[in-house]
Amino acid sequence: MIFKMSSNIEIEKLLPRFKALSNCFPQVIAAYLFGSHVSGRPTPLSDIDVGVLLNEDLPDMKSFRIEMSLLGELQKIFNTDNIDLVILNKAPLPIQYSATSGILLFSNNHEKRTDFEEYVRKYYIDCLPIYREYREEFFKRLREVKMQNG
């Protein structure tokens, strides 16, 4: 599959760079491209969303250093500073689901990655009715406020 981003970058051409990146960051279990560039709906203000799953036994400071180094490398690969790097271990469930439904850039641990993906899909599907109800209530109240304020 050839994936073209709005900037006409072909992900397939970048895959060797992601492979090299995976070798430099063994603490990263998996990395995903997701968001508007994957869904085909980017705007001029869209950033490039990358989600990474880290080994859970990393101390916070080590995790932070990896995050900053990885962000710098992603900026070089995509040739832009407009990267939103999300640590999936700490992200809300809907973001985890969106990321794991995106494009897998690399995986350093197949078993941990697939366990995480299975966990996310299971709990997201379980929580989906709650998310929908919350969203409907939110927009209902938003319309009410708009009607009250004219």
N, C-alpha and C. Protein backbone atom coordinates (compact mmCIF):
# COMPACT_ATOMS: atom_id res chain seq x y z
N MET A 1 0.84 -1.19 0.00
CA MET A 1 0.00 0.00 0.00
C MET A 1 0.88 1.24 0.00
N ILE A 2 0.59 2.15 -0.89
CA ILE A 2 1.30 3.42 -0.92
C ILE A 2 0.39 4.47 -0.31
N PHE A 3 0.88 5.10 0.74
CA PHE A 3 0.10 6.10 1.45
C PHE A 3 0.70 7.46 1.15
N LYS A 4 -0.09 8.36 0.62
CA LYS A 4 0.39 9.71 0.34
C LYS A 4 -0.22 10.67 1.34
N MET A 5 0.64 11.44 1.96
CA MET A 5 0.16 12.48 2.86
C MET A 5 -0.16 13.70 2.03
N SER A 6 -0.75 14.69 2.67
CA SER A 6 -1.13 15.90 1.95
C SER A 6 0.08 16.60 1.35
N SER A 7 1.24 16.39 1.93
CA SER A 7 2.45 17.02 1.41
C SER A 7 3.12 16.17 0.34
N ASN A 8 2.39 15.15 -0.15
CA ASN A 8 2.86 14.25 -1.20
C ASN A 8 4.06 13.40 -0.78
N ILE A 9 4.23 13.21 0.52
CA ILE A 9 5.26 12.30 1.01
C ILE A 9 4.68 10.89 0.99
N GLU A 10 5.39 9.97 0.40
CA GLU A 10 4.93 8.59 0.38
C GLU A 10 5.55 7.85 1.56
N ILE A 11 4.69 7.36 2.43
CA ILE A 11 5.15 6.64 3.61
C ILE A 11 6.01 5.45 3.22
N GLU A 12 5.64 4.78 2.14
CA GLU A 12 6.40 3.60 1.71
C GLU A 12 7.87 3.95 1.48
N LYS A 13 8.13 5.15 0.97
CA LYS A 13 9.51 5.58 0.74
C LYS A 13 10.24 5.88 2.04
N LEU A 14 9.47 6.18 3.10
CA LEU A 14 10.08 6.50 4.39
C LEU A 14 10.28 5.27 5.27
N LEU A 15 9.72 4.14 4.89
CA LEU A 15 9.79 2.94 5.73
C LEU A 15 11.22 2.53 6.11
N PRO A 16 12.21 2.62 5.21
CA PRO A 16 13.58 2.29 5.64
C PRO A 16 14.07 3.21 6.76
N ARG A 17 13.65 4.46 6.74
CA ARG A 17 14.05 5.39 7.81
C ARG A 17 13.37 5.02 9.12
N PHE A 18 12.12 4.55 9.04
CA PHE A 18 11.44 4.11 10.26
C PHE A 18 12.07 2.84 10.81
N LYS A 19 12.52 1.97 9.92
CA LYS A 19 13.21 0.75 10.36
C LYS A 19 14.49 1.12 11.10
N ALA A 20 15.25 2.06 10.56
CA ALA A 20 16.46 2.53 11.24
C ALA A 20 16.11 3.17 12.58
N LEU A 21 15.03 3.92 12.60
CA LEU A 21 14.57 4.57 13.83
C LEU A 21 14.23 3.52 14.89
N SER A 22 13.59 2.44 14.46
CA SER A 22 13.22 1.38 15.42
C SER A 22 14.47 0.76 16.04
N ASN A 23 15.53 0.65 15.26
CA ASN A 23 16.79 0.10 15.79
C ASN A 23 17.43 1.03 16.81
N CYS A 24 17.23 2.34 16.64
CA CYS A 24 17.80 3.32 17.56
C CYS A 24 17.00 3.46 18.85
N PHE A 25 15.75 3.03 18.82
CA PHE A 25 14.87 3.19 19.97
C PHE A 25 14.24 1.84 20.35
N PRO A 26 15.03 0.93 20.90
CA PRO A 26 14.48 -0.39 21.25
C PRO A 26 13.44 -0.32 22.37
N GLN A 27 13.41 0.79 23.11
CA GLN A 27 12.43 0.95 24.19
C GLN A 27 11.04 1.23 23.65
N VAL A 28 10.95 1.56 22.36
CA VAL A 28 9.66 1.82 21.73
C VAL A 28 9.11 0.48 21.23
N ILE A 29 7.96 0.10 21.77
CA ILE A 29 7.34 -1.17 21.36
C ILE A 29 6.77 -1.04 19.95
N ALA A 30 6.10 0.10 19.69
CA ALA A 30 5.49 0.31 18.38
C ALA A 30 5.27 1.79 18.15
N ALA A 31 5.20 2.16 16.87
CA ALA A 31 4.91 3.55 16.49
C ALA A 31 3.86 3.52 15.38
N TYR A 32 2.91 4.44 15.48
CA TYR A 32 1.78 4.51 14.54
C TYR A 32 1.63 5.93 14.01
N LEU A 33 1.26 6.02 12.76
CA LEU A 33 0.84 7.28 12.16
C LEU A 33 -0.68 7.28 12.17
N PHE A 34 -1.30 8.36 12.64
CA PHE A 34 -2.75 8.42 12.70
C PHE A 34 -3.21 9.87 12.53
N GLY A 35 -4.49 10.08 12.58
CA GLY A 35 -5.03 11.43 12.50
C GLY A 35 -5.45 11.82 11.10
N SER A 36 -5.52 13.12 10.87
CA SER A 36 -6.10 13.63 9.63
C SER A 36 -5.30 13.24 8.39
N HIS A 37 -4.00 13.07 8.52
CA HIS A 37 -3.21 12.68 7.35
C HIS A 37 -3.49 11.24 6.94
N VAL A 38 -3.87 10.41 7.88
CA VAL A 38 -4.22 9.02 7.56
C VAL A 38 -5.65 8.94 7.06
N SER A 39 -6.53 9.71 7.68
CA SER A 39 -7.95 9.66 7.28
C SER A 39 -8.20 10.37 5.96
N GLY A 40 -7.21 11.11 5.48
CA GLY A 40 -7.37 11.81 4.20
C GLY A 40 -8.08 13.14 4.31
N ARG A 41 -8.12 13.70 5.54
CA ARG A 41 -8.81 14.97 5.74
C ARG A 41 -7.91 16.04 6.37
N PRO A 42 -6.67 16.16 5.91
CA PRO A 42 -5.82 17.19 6.51
C PRO A 42 -6.23 18.59 6.05
N THR A 43 -5.96 19.54 6.90
CA THR A 43 -6.16 20.94 6.57
C THR A 43 -4.79 21.62 6.59
N PRO A 44 -4.70 22.86 6.16
CA PRO A 44 -3.40 23.55 6.23
C PRO A 44 -2.85 23.64 7.66
N LEU A 45 -3.73 23.53 8.66
CA LEU A 45 -3.29 23.61 10.06
C LEU A 45 -3.03 22.24 10.68
N SER A 46 -3.21 21.18 9.92
CA SER A 46 -3.04 19.83 10.47
C SER A 46 -1.58 19.53 10.79
N ASP A 47 -1.39 18.91 11.95
CA ASP A 47 -0.06 18.42 12.28
C ASP A 47 0.02 16.95 11.90
N ILE A 48 1.18 16.37 12.08
CA ILE A 48 1.36 14.95 11.80
C ILE A 48 1.32 14.23 13.14
N ASP A 49 0.34 13.35 13.30
CA ASP A 49 0.13 12.65 14.56
C ASP A 49 0.86 11.31 14.55
N VAL A 50 1.74 11.13 15.52
CA VAL A 50 2.46 9.88 15.68
C VAL A 50 2.26 9.41 17.12
N GLY A 51 1.80 8.18 17.27
CA GLY A 51 1.64 7.59 18.60
C GLY A 51 2.68 6.52 18.82
N VAL A 52 3.29 6.53 20.00
CA VAL A 52 4.28 5.50 20.32
C VAL A 52 3.92 4.81 21.63
N LEU A 53 4.14 3.53 21.64
CA LEU A 53 3.95 2.71 22.83
C LEU A 53 5.33 2.38 23.37
N LEU A 54 5.59 2.78 24.62
CA LEU A 54 6.89 2.57 25.25
C LEU A 54 6.84 1.38 26.20
N ASN A 55 8.02 0.79 26.44
CA ASN A 55 8.11 -0.22 27.49
C ASN A 55 7.65 0.41 28.79
N GLU A 56 6.87 -0.32 29.56
CA GLU A 56 6.27 0.24 30.77
C GLU A 56 7.24 0.38 31.93
N ASP A 57 8.36 -0.29 31.89
CA ASP A 57 9.28 -0.27 33.02
C ASP A 57 10.28 0.89 32.96
N LEU A 58 10.07 1.84 32.07
CA LEU A 58 10.99 2.97 31.94
C LEU A 58 10.72 4.01 33.03
N PRO A 59 11.78 4.51 33.68
CA PRO A 59 11.59 5.63 34.61
C PRO A 59 11.10 6.86 33.84
N ASP A 60 10.39 7.75 34.53
CA ASP A 60 9.81 8.92 33.87
C ASP A 60 10.84 9.76 33.12
N MET A 61 12.00 9.99 33.72
CA MET A 61 13.01 10.83 33.08
C MET A 61 13.55 10.16 31.82
N LYS A 62 13.76 8.86 31.87
CA LYS A 62 14.23 8.12 30.70
C LYS A 62 13.18 8.18 29.59
N SER A 63 11.92 8.02 29.98
CA SER A 63 10.81 8.10 29.03
C SER A 63 10.77 9.47 28.37
N PHE A 64 10.97 10.52 29.17
CA PHE A 64 10.97 11.89 28.64
C PHE A 64 12.11 12.09 27.65
N ARG A 65 13.29 11.61 27.98
CA ARG A 65 14.45 11.75 27.07
C ARG A 65 14.20 11.03 25.75
N ILE A 66 13.63 9.84 25.84
CA ILE A 66 13.31 9.09 24.62
C ILE A 66 12.29 9.87 23.79
N GLU A 67 11.28 10.40 24.46
CA GLU A 67 10.24 11.17 23.76
C GLU A 67 10.84 12.36 23.02
N MET A 68 11.72 13.10 23.67
CA MET A 68 12.32 14.28 23.04
C MET A 68 13.25 13.88 21.89
N SER A 69 14.04 12.85 22.08
CA SER A 69 14.93 12.37 21.00
C SER A 69 14.13 11.86 19.81
N LEU A 70 13.09 11.11 20.11
CA LEU A 70 12.24 10.56 19.06
C LEU A 70 11.54 11.68 18.29
N LEU A 71 11.07 12.68 19.01
CA LEU A 71 10.42 13.82 18.35
C LEU A 71 11.38 14.49 17.38
N GLY A 72 12.62 14.69 17.79
CA GLY A 72 13.63 15.29 16.91
C GLY A 72 13.86 14.46 15.65
N GLU A 73 13.93 13.16 15.81
CA GLU A 73 14.13 12.28 14.65
C GLU A 73 12.92 12.28 13.72
N LEU A 74 11.72 12.30 14.29
CA LEU A 74 10.51 12.36 13.46
C LEU A 74 10.43 13.67 12.68
N GLN A 75 10.87 14.75 13.31
CA GLN A 75 10.89 16.04 12.61
C GLN A 75 11.83 15.99 11.41
N LYS A 76 12.94 15.30 11.55
CA LYS A 76 13.87 15.14 10.43
C LYS A 76 13.25 14.27 9.33
N ILE A 77 12.64 13.16 9.72
CA ILE A 77 12.07 12.23 8.73
C ILE A 77 10.96 12.90 7.93
N PHE A 78 10.05 13.59 8.63
CA PHE A 78 8.92 14.22 7.95
C PHE A 78 9.24 15.63 7.44
N ASN A 79 10.43 16.12 7.77
CA ASN A 79 10.88 17.44 7.33
C ASN A 79 9.91 18.55 7.76
N THR A 80 9.47 18.47 9.02
CA THR A 80 8.60 19.50 9.59
C THR A 80 8.69 19.46 11.11
N ASP A 81 8.47 20.61 11.72
CA ASP A 81 8.40 20.68 13.19
C ASP A 81 6.98 20.41 13.67
N ASN A 82 6.06 20.29 12.76
CA ASN A 82 4.64 20.19 13.09
C ASN A 82 4.23 18.73 13.37
N ILE A 83 4.86 18.16 14.39
CA ILE A 83 4.62 16.77 14.78
C ILE A 83 3.94 16.76 16.15
N ASP A 84 2.89 15.98 16.28
CA ASP A 84 2.27 15.76 17.58
C ASP A 84 2.60 14.33 17.98
N LEU A 85 3.56 14.19 18.90
CA LEU A 85 3.98 12.88 19.37
C LEU A 85 3.19 12.53 20.62
N VAL A 86 2.46 11.43 20.57
CA VAL A 86 1.60 11.00 21.67
C VAL A 86 2.18 9.72 22.27
N ILE A 87 2.40 9.74 23.58
CA ILE A 87 2.83 8.53 24.28
C ILE A 87 1.57 7.75 24.61
N LEU A 88 1.37 6.65 23.93
CA LEU A 88 0.11 5.91 24.03
C LEU A 88 -0.11 5.30 25.41
N ASN A 89 0.97 5.02 26.14
CA ASN A 89 0.83 4.47 27.49
C ASN A 89 0.03 5.41 28.39
N LYS A 90 0.12 6.72 28.12
CA LYS A 90 -0.51 7.73 28.98
C LYS A 90 -1.72 8.39 28.32
N ALA A 91 -2.03 8.01 27.10
CA ALA A 91 -3.09 8.68 26.34
C ALA A 91 -4.47 8.14 26.73
N PRO A 92 -5.50 8.97 26.54
CA PRO A 92 -6.87 8.48 26.76
C PRO A 92 -7.22 7.37 25.77
N LEU A 93 -8.14 6.53 26.17
CA LEU A 93 -8.54 5.37 25.37
C LEU A 93 -8.94 5.73 23.93
N PRO A 94 -9.74 6.79 23.69
CA PRO A 94 -10.08 7.12 22.30
C PRO A 94 -8.86 7.45 21.43
N ILE A 95 -7.85 8.09 22.03
CA ILE A 95 -6.62 8.39 21.28
C ILE A 95 -5.85 7.10 21.01
N GLN A 96 -5.79 6.23 22.00
CA GLN A 96 -5.13 4.93 21.80
C GLN A 96 -5.80 4.17 20.65
N TYR A 97 -7.12 4.20 20.63
CA TYR A 97 -7.85 3.49 19.58
C TYR A 97 -7.58 4.10 18.21
N SER A 98 -7.61 5.42 18.15
CA SER A 98 -7.35 6.10 16.87
C SER A 98 -5.95 5.77 16.36
N ALA A 99 -4.97 5.81 17.26
CA ALA A 99 -3.59 5.54 16.85
C ALA A 99 -3.41 4.10 16.38
N THR A 100 -3.92 3.14 17.16
CA THR A 100 -3.73 1.74 16.79
C THR A 100 -4.55 1.34 15.58
N SER A 101 -5.49 2.20 15.18
CA SER A 101 -6.25 1.97 13.95
C SER A 101 -5.59 2.63 12.75
N GLY A 102 -4.49 3.34 13.00
CA GLY A 102 -3.78 4.04 11.94
C GLY A 102 -2.78 3.13 11.23
N ILE A 103 -1.68 3.72 10.80
CA ILE A 103 -0.65 2.99 10.05
C ILE A 103 0.49 2.64 10.99
N LEU A 104 0.82 1.37 11.08
CA LEU A 104 1.95 0.92 11.89
C LEU A 104 3.24 1.31 11.17
N LEU A 105 4.04 2.15 11.82
CA LEU A 105 5.31 2.58 11.23
C LEU A 105 6.41 1.57 11.53
N PHE A 106 6.44 1.07 12.76
CA PHE A 106 7.36 0.00 13.11
C PHE A 106 6.93 -0.64 14.42
N SER A 107 7.44 -1.85 14.63
CA SER A 107 7.16 -2.60 15.85
C SER A 107 8.42 -3.31 16.28
N ASN A 108 8.81 -3.10 17.52
CA ASN A 108 9.99 -3.78 18.08
C ASN A 108 9.62 -5.01 18.91
N ASN A 109 8.34 -5.16 19.22
CA ASN A 109 7.92 -6.30 20.03
C ASN A 109 6.50 -6.68 19.61
N HIS A 110 6.41 -7.66 18.74
CA HIS A 110 5.12 -8.07 18.17
C HIS A 110 4.12 -8.47 19.26
N GLU A 111 4.57 -9.26 20.22
CA GLU A 111 3.65 -9.76 21.26
C GLU A 111 3.09 -8.63 22.12
N LYS A 112 3.96 -7.73 22.59
CA LYS A 112 3.48 -6.61 23.42
C LYS A 112 2.58 -5.68 22.61
N ARG A 113 2.94 -5.47 21.35
CA ARG A 113 2.13 -4.59 20.50
C ARG A 113 0.74 -5.17 20.29
N THR A 114 0.67 -6.43 19.92
CA THR A 114 -0.64 -7.03 19.65
C THR A 114 -1.47 -7.17 20.93
N ASP A 115 -0.82 -7.41 22.07
CA ASP A 115 -1.54 -7.42 23.35
C ASP A 115 -2.16 -6.05 23.63
N PHE A 116 -1.38 -5.00 23.38
CA PHE A 116 -1.88 -3.64 23.60
C PHE A 116 -3.04 -3.34 22.65
N GLU A 117 -2.88 -3.67 21.38
CA GLU A 117 -3.95 -3.42 20.40
C GLU A 117 -5.23 -4.17 20.78
N GLU A 118 -5.08 -5.40 21.22
CA GLU A 118 -6.25 -6.19 21.63
C GLU A 118 -6.93 -5.55 22.85
N TYR A 119 -6.13 -5.14 23.82
CA TYR A 119 -6.66 -4.48 25.01
C TYR A 119 -7.43 -3.21 24.64
N VAL A 120 -6.83 -2.39 23.79
CA VAL A 120 -7.45 -1.12 23.38
C VAL A 120 -8.77 -1.38 22.66
N ARG A 121 -8.76 -2.27 21.71
CA ARG A 121 -9.99 -2.55 20.95
C ARG A 121 -11.10 -3.07 21.87
N LYS A 122 -10.76 -3.98 22.77
CA LYS A 122 -11.76 -4.55 23.67
C LYS A 122 -12.39 -3.47 24.54
N TYR A 123 -11.55 -2.67 25.20
CA TYR A 123 -12.09 -1.67 26.12
C TYR A 123 -12.73 -0.49 25.39
N TYR A 124 -12.24 -0.18 24.22
CA TYR A 124 -12.87 0.90 23.45
C TYR A 124 -14.29 0.49 23.05
N ILE A 125 -14.43 -0.72 22.57
CA ILE A 125 -15.77 -1.20 22.18
C ILE A 125 -16.69 -1.25 23.40
N ASP A 126 -16.14 -1.67 24.55
CA ASP A 126 -16.93 -1.69 25.78
C ASP A 126 -17.38 -0.29 26.19
N CYS A 127 -16.51 0.70 25.99
CA CYS A 127 -16.79 2.07 26.44
C CYS A 127 -17.47 2.92 25.38
N LEU A 128 -17.57 2.44 24.16
CA LEU A 128 -18.13 3.24 23.07
C LEU A 128 -19.52 3.79 23.38
N PRO A 129 -20.44 3.02 23.95
CA PRO A 129 -21.75 3.60 24.27
C PRO A 129 -21.65 4.78 25.24
N ILE A 130 -20.73 4.71 26.18
CA ILE A 130 -20.55 5.80 27.14
C ILE A 130 -20.01 7.03 26.42
N TYR A 131 -19.01 6.84 25.54
CA TYR A 131 -18.46 7.96 24.79
C TYR A 131 -19.52 8.62 23.91
N ARG A 132 -20.33 7.80 23.26
CA ARG A 132 -21.40 8.35 22.41
C ARG A 132 -22.41 9.14 23.23
N GLU A 133 -22.81 8.59 24.37
CA GLU A 133 -23.77 9.28 25.24
C GLU A 133 -23.20 10.61 25.72
N TYR A 134 -21.96 10.60 26.13
CA TYR A 134 -21.30 11.83 26.58
C TYR A 134 -21.25 12.86 25.46
N ARG A 135 -20.87 12.41 24.27
CA ARG A 135 -20.78 13.32 23.12
C ARG A 135 -22.15 13.92 22.78
N GLU A 136 -23.18 13.08 22.75
CA GLU A 136 -24.53 13.56 22.46
C GLU A 136 -24.98 14.59 23.50
N GLU A 137 -24.73 14.31 24.77
CA GLU A 137 -25.11 15.23 25.84
C GLU A 137 -24.33 16.54 25.73
N PHE A 138 -23.05 16.44 25.40
CA PHE A 138 -22.22 17.63 25.23
C PHE A 138 -22.78 18.54 24.15
N PHE A 139 -23.08 17.97 22.98
CA PHE A 139 -23.60 18.79 21.87
C PHE A 139 -25.02 19.27 22.14
N LYS A 140 -25.80 18.51 22.86
CA LYS A 140 -27.14 18.95 23.24
C LYS A 140 -27.05 20.19 24.12
N ARG A 141 -26.18 20.16 25.10
CA ARG A 141 -26.01 21.31 26.00
C ARG A 141 -25.41 22.50 25.25
N LEU A 142 -24.53 22.23 24.33
CA LEU A 142 -23.94 23.30 23.53
C LEU A 142 -25.00 24.01 22.71
N ARG A 143 -25.91 23.24 22.11
CA ARG A 143 -27.01 23.84 21.35
C ARG A 143 -27.93 24.65 22.26
N GLU A 144 -28.19 24.14 23.47
CA GLU A 144 -29.04 24.85 24.42
C GLU A 144 -28.43 26.19 24.81
N VAL A 145 -27.14 26.19 25.07
CA VAL A 145 -26.45 27.44 25.43
C VAL A 145 -26.49 28.41 24.26
N LYS A 146 -26.28 27.91 23.07
CA LYS A 146 -26.30 28.76 21.87
C LYS A 146 -27.68 29.38 21.68
N MET A 147 -28.74 28.60 21.91
CA MET A 147 -30.10 29.11 21.76
C MET A 147 -30.41 30.15 22.84
N GLN A 148 -29.91 29.96 24.05
CA GLN A 148 -30.14 30.91 25.13
C GLN A 148 -29.43 32.23 24.89
N ASN A 149 -28.26 32.15 24.28
CA ASN A 149 -27.46 33.35 24.04
C ASN A 149 -27.74 33.98 22.68
N GLY A 150 -28.63 33.36 21.92
CA GLY A 150 -29.05 33.90 20.63
C GLY A 150 -28.05 33.71 19.61
